[in-house]
Amino acid sequence: LQGEQDGWLWLDLRNETGEADVQSVDLYFRTTQAEGSIAVSIDGGPEGRVPLNGDGDFGMITISGSAAMSVLKLRVQQQPVTLHGFYLNHREAPPAVLDAFGIPGATMRSWQQIDAANFSQYVRAHPYDMVMFEFGTNEGNARPFDVAGYRRMLDASLRNFRDVFPDARCLLIAPGDRGVLLPKSRKKRKGDARTLLRFSQIHDTIFQLQKETGARYACDAWSMQAAMGGQGAAYRWLLASPPLM
């Protein structure tokens, strides 16, 4: 998140029952050549200026109030400000924390491109017990699907992952089955069976590559496609009553 002058971000920190149970928030940011600063307001109170001075590319500050916080408002005062994330310190630590970082259009390649030494600083204080990667559908959409290129990318990504999380359990979740929606004019043409199973075959290949490459980095692999019933399952799910796809 790159903030512009007077850009703001509100965080509703209340739990599912509407109660405040977050005692403090660790704010992770990246410093640049020019110093940045933010204005912080807790639960509608007066703003306070907080300079963001980090060590090189990494910076972290802790924001806390006199009691558990409900709403935290951040406003950019002085550019540039680049926020990378937050860690919530609860009044009573929950038995488990699940963080989801997936966004539409994401691919595994992002892990190939990270600076592992820099990124590991963000999780040093709060290492994860388990990391699950659910990628493959977007990679499988490329024409043509490059098997050798995908294998190299996956290997480099998992190497970076292990540099960041040397001890975490790891699971690669391969994509589910996928069908192809054809125009009516093409449905009876010869050879369409191969077209209909194009993504099914690619997704199975991706699972095999994840299983093979993941084993070198102590990562298990699980096929969502196999759990659905294997290649072509998308069409059976579509034709089920009621439809499952």
Protein backbone atom coordinates (compact mmCIF):
# COMPACT_ATOMS: atom_id res chain seq x y z
CA LEU A 1 0.00 0.00 0.00
CA GLN A 2 1.65 3.22 -1.17
CA GLY A 3 0.09 6.26 0.45
CA GLU A 4 -0.20 9.69 -1.13
CA GLN A 5 -0.45 13.00 0.72
CA ASP A 6 -3.55 12.95 2.98
CA GLY A 7 -4.43 9.45 1.83
CA TRP A 8 -6.00 7.52 4.67
CA LEU A 9 -6.72 4.00 5.84
CA TRP A 10 -9.21 2.95 8.52
CA LEU A 11 -8.90 -0.40 10.28
CA ASP A 12 -11.89 -1.83 12.11
CA LEU A 13 -10.20 -4.01 14.73
CA ARG A 14 -13.31 -5.28 16.49
CA ASN A 15 -13.95 -9.01 16.64
CA GLU A 16 -16.96 -10.87 15.26
CA THR A 17 -19.06 -9.87 18.26
CA GLY A 18 -18.21 -6.18 17.85
CA GLU A 19 -15.93 -6.07 20.89
CA ALA A 20 -12.48 -4.48 21.02
CA ASP A 21 -9.84 -7.08 21.81
CA VAL A 22 -6.73 -5.78 19.98
CA GLN A 23 -4.27 -4.26 22.41
CA SER A 24 -1.71 -3.04 19.86
CA VAL A 25 -0.89 -3.14 16.15
CA ASP A 26 2.56 -3.74 14.64
CA LEU A 27 2.85 -1.66 11.48
CA TYR A 28 5.36 -2.81 8.86
CA PHE A 29 6.62 -0.35 6.31
CA ARG A 30 9.42 0.32 3.87
CA THR A 31 11.63 3.35 4.10
CA THR A 32 12.95 5.36 1.18
CA GLN A 33 15.49 8.13 0.77
CA ALA A 34 13.02 10.72 2.08
CA GLU A 35 11.48 10.34 5.52
CA GLY A 36 7.76 9.73 5.65
CA SER A 37 5.29 10.23 8.47
CA ILE A 38 1.71 9.30 9.30
CA ALA A 39 -0.95 10.74 11.55
CA VAL A 40 -2.52 8.16 13.87
CA SER A 41 -5.93 8.38 15.52
CA ILE A 42 -7.33 5.73 17.88
CA ASP A 43 -11.09 5.40 18.35
CA GLY A 44 -11.79 8.89 17.03
CA GLY A 45 -9.27 10.58 19.29
CA PRO A 46 -6.86 13.38 18.30
CA GLU A 47 -4.24 12.65 15.68
CA GLY A 48 -0.63 12.14 16.64
CA ARG A 49 2.30 12.38 14.22
CA VAL A 50 4.46 9.28 13.87
CA PRO A 51 7.71 9.49 11.84
CA LEU A 52 8.59 6.38 9.85
CA ASN A 53 12.31 5.77 10.17
CA GLY A 54 13.47 2.27 9.36
CA ASP A 55 16.72 0.40 9.03
CA GLY A 56 17.43 0.29 5.33
CA ASP A 57 14.41 -1.15 3.54
CA PHE A 58 12.65 -2.48 6.65
CA GLY A 59 10.76 -0.65 9.34
CA MET A 60 8.34 -1.57 12.13
CA ILE A 61 6.50 0.45 14.77
CA THR A 62 3.94 -0.61 17.36
CA ILE A 63 0.78 1.45 17.86
CA SER A 64 -1.08 0.98 21.13
CA GLY A 65 -3.65 2.78 23.24
CA SER A 66 -4.53 2.92 26.92
CA ALA A 67 -7.11 0.18 26.31
CA ALA A 68 -8.07 -2.27 23.60
CA MET A 69 -8.67 -0.51 20.27
CA SER A 70 -11.78 -0.57 18.09
CA VAL A 71 -10.90 1.67 15.13
CA LEU A 72 -7.45 2.77 13.99
CA LYS A 73 -7.15 5.59 11.45
CA LEU A 74 -3.93 6.24 9.55
CA ARG A 75 -3.39 9.33 7.41
CA VAL A 76 -0.34 10.14 5.32
CA GLN A 77 1.26 13.40 6.44
CA GLN A 78 4.58 13.39 4.65
CA GLN A 79 5.41 11.39 1.57
CA PRO A 80 6.51 8.84 0.71
CA VAL A 81 4.84 6.13 2.81
CA THR A 82 4.78 2.47 1.76
CA LEU A 83 2.93 0.12 4.11
CA HIS A 84 3.49 -3.62 3.83
CA GLY A 85 1.25 -5.08 6.47
CA PHE A 86 0.00 -5.32 10.03
CA TYR A 87 0.17 -7.74 12.90
CA LEU A 88 -2.60 -7.61 15.50
CA ASN A 89 -1.62 -8.21 19.12
CA HIS A 90 -4.81 -9.37 20.84
CA ARG A 91 -5.61 -8.82 24.47
CA GLU A 92 -5.92 -12.58 24.77
CA ALA A 93 -3.98 -14.51 22.16
CA PRO A 94 -6.31 -16.61 19.95
CA PRO A 95 -5.59 -20.34 19.73
CA ALA A 96 -4.90 -20.01 15.99
CA VAL A 97 -4.48 -17.26 13.41
CA LEU A 98 -5.29 -17.77 9.73
CA ASP A 99 -3.98 -15.17 7.28
CA ALA A 100 -5.05 -15.17 3.63
CA PHE A 101 -2.84 -13.34 1.13
CA GLY A 102 -4.33 -14.54 -2.16
CA ILE A 103 -5.73 -12.01 -4.63
CA PRO A 104 -7.44 -12.60 -8.01
CA GLY A 105 -4.91 -13.03 -10.79
CA ALA A 106 -2.03 -14.00 -8.50
CA THR A 107 0.54 -16.61 -9.50
CA MET A 108 3.35 -18.44 -7.74
CA ARG A 109 5.86 -16.28 -9.63
CA SER A 110 5.59 -13.58 -6.97
CA TRP A 111 7.63 -15.86 -4.68
CA GLN A 112 10.31 -16.14 -7.34
CA GLN A 113 10.64 -12.36 -7.42
CA ILE A 114 10.75 -11.52 -3.70
CA ASP A 115 13.88 -10.49 -1.83
CA ALA A 116 13.91 -13.37 0.63
CA ALA A 117 16.40 -11.74 3.03
CA ASN A 118 14.26 -8.60 3.26
CA PHE A 119 10.91 -10.38 3.39
CA SER A 120 12.01 -12.71 6.19
CA GLN A 121 12.28 -9.72 8.52
CA TYR A 122 8.50 -9.28 8.43
CA VAL A 123 7.83 -12.77 9.80
CA ARG A 124 10.82 -13.14 12.09
CA ALA A 125 8.87 -12.20 15.21
CA HIS A 126 5.79 -14.20 14.23
CA PRO A 127 6.84 -17.26 12.19
CA TYR A 128 4.07 -19.32 10.62
CA ASP A 129 3.56 -22.97 11.58
CA MET A 130 2.14 -23.81 8.15
CA VAL A 131 2.01 -22.17 4.73
CA MET A 132 -0.43 -23.31 2.02
CA PHE A 133 0.07 -22.30 -1.61
CA GLU A 134 -3.02 -22.45 -3.82
CA PHE A 135 -1.77 -21.51 -7.27
CA GLY A 136 -1.94 -23.06 -10.72
CA THR A 137 -5.18 -22.05 -12.44
CA ASN A 138 -3.75 -18.79 -13.77
CA GLU A 139 -0.46 -20.42 -14.80
CA GLY A 140 -2.41 -23.14 -16.60
CA ASN A 141 -4.30 -20.54 -18.59
CA ALA A 142 -1.18 -19.56 -20.57
CA ARG A 143 -0.94 -20.67 -24.20
CA PRO A 144 1.06 -22.74 -24.65
CA PHE A 145 1.66 -24.06 -21.15
CA ASP A 146 5.44 -24.19 -20.69
CA VAL A 147 6.22 -27.28 -18.61
CA ALA A 148 9.96 -26.60 -18.32
CA GLY A 149 9.40 -22.94 -17.53
CA TYR A 150 6.82 -23.73 -14.86
CA ARG A 151 9.17 -26.24 -13.24
CA ARG A 152 12.00 -23.68 -13.08
CA MET A 153 9.71 -20.99 -11.70
CA LEU A 154 8.26 -23.31 -9.04
CA ASP A 155 11.72 -24.45 -7.96
CA ALA A 156 12.99 -20.87 -7.59
CA SER A 157 9.81 -19.84 -5.72
CA LEU A 158 10.02 -22.69 -3.23
CA ARG A 159 13.73 -22.01 -2.70
CA ASN A 160 12.86 -18.45 -1.67
CA PHE A 161 10.01 -19.74 0.47
CA ARG A 162 12.35 -22.00 2.42
CA ASP A 163 14.76 -19.11 2.95
CA VAL A 164 11.90 -17.19 4.58
CA PHE A 165 10.19 -20.12 6.35
CA PRO A 166 12.84 -22.79 7.00
CA ASP A 167 10.75 -24.73 9.53
CA ALA A 168 7.12 -24.21 8.49
CA ARG A 169 5.05 -27.08 7.20
CA CYS A 170 4.20 -26.59 3.55
CA LEU A 171 1.31 -27.69 1.37
CA LEU A 172 0.90 -27.10 -2.37
CA ILE A 173 -2.76 -27.17 -3.39
CA ALA A 174 -3.02 -27.97 -7.09
CA PRO A 175 -5.95 -26.51 -9.06
CA GLY A 176 -9.30 -28.23 -9.40
CA ASP A 177 -10.74 -29.52 -12.63
CA ARG A 178 -11.69 -26.96 -15.26
CA GLY A 179 -13.95 -27.19 -18.28
CA VAL A 180 -14.25 -25.27 -21.53
CA LEU A 181 -17.42 -23.51 -22.64
CA LEU A 182 -17.76 -23.91 -26.41
CA PRO A 183 -20.06 -22.01 -28.78
CA LYS A 184 -22.98 -24.11 -30.00
CA SER A 185 -21.56 -24.10 -33.54
CA ARG A 186 -18.50 -26.01 -32.33
CA LYS A 187 -20.07 -28.55 -30.02
CA LYS A 188 -20.50 -31.26 -32.66
CA ARG A 189 -17.22 -30.79 -34.48
CA LYS A 190 -14.77 -33.69 -34.61
CA GLY A 191 -11.89 -33.43 -32.15
CA ASP A 192 -13.68 -31.35 -29.56
CA ALA A 193 -13.04 -33.99 -26.87
CA ARG A 194 -9.38 -33.01 -26.84
CA THR A 195 -10.36 -29.35 -26.56
CA LEU A 196 -12.78 -30.04 -23.72
CA LEU A 197 -10.06 -31.73 -21.65
CA ARG A 198 -7.28 -29.24 -22.41
CA PHE A 199 -7.33 -27.56 -19.00
CA SER A 200 -8.01 -30.85 -17.22
CA GLN A 201 -4.78 -32.29 -18.61
CA ILE A 202 -2.79 -29.14 -17.85
CA HIS A 203 -4.01 -29.07 -14.26
CA ASP A 204 -3.00 -32.69 -13.78
CA THR A 205 0.46 -31.84 -15.15
CA ILE A 206 0.70 -28.93 -12.70
CA PHE A 207 -0.11 -31.27 -9.82
CA GLN A 208 2.58 -33.73 -10.91
CA LEU A 209 5.12 -30.89 -11.13
CA GLN A 210 4.11 -29.56 -7.71
CA LYS A 211 4.41 -33.03 -6.21
CA GLU A 212 7.83 -33.60 -7.78
CA THR A 213 9.31 -30.17 -7.05
CA GLY A 214 7.65 -29.77 -3.66
CA ALA A 215 9.26 -32.96 -2.38
CA ARG A 216 12.69 -31.31 -2.71
CA TYR A 217 11.58 -28.59 -0.30
CA ALA A 218 9.66 -30.74 2.19
CA CYS A 219 6.32 -29.63 0.77
CA ASP A 220 3.35 -31.95 0.42
CA ALA A 221 1.05 -31.67 -2.61
CA TRP A 222 -2.72 -32.17 -2.77
CA SER A 223 -4.78 -32.37 -5.95
CA MET A 224 -8.12 -30.59 -5.79
CA GLN A 225 -8.81 -32.07 -9.22
CA ALA A 226 -8.44 -35.63 -7.93
CA ALA A 227 -10.73 -34.81 -5.00
CA MET A 228 -13.35 -33.63 -7.51
CA GLY A 229 -13.18 -36.93 -9.37
CA GLY A 230 -10.26 -36.52 -11.80
CA GLN A 231 -10.07 -35.20 -15.32
CA GLY A 232 -13.44 -34.24 -16.75
CA ALA A 233 -15.04 -33.94 -13.31
CA ALA A 234 -16.02 -30.33 -14.05
CA TYR A 235 -18.52 -31.54 -16.67
CA ARG A 236 -19.99 -34.16 -14.34
CA TRP A 237 -20.35 -31.52 -11.65
CA LEU A 238 -22.02 -29.19 -14.14
CA LEU A 239 -24.53 -31.83 -15.19
CA ALA A 240 -25.34 -32.91 -11.64
CA SER A 241 -28.76 -32.07 -10.19
CA PRO A 242 -28.47 -29.56 -8.67
CA PRO A 243 -25.36 -28.37 -10.60
CA LEU A 244 -22.19 -28.38 -8.51
CA MET A 245 -20.15 -26.13 -10.83
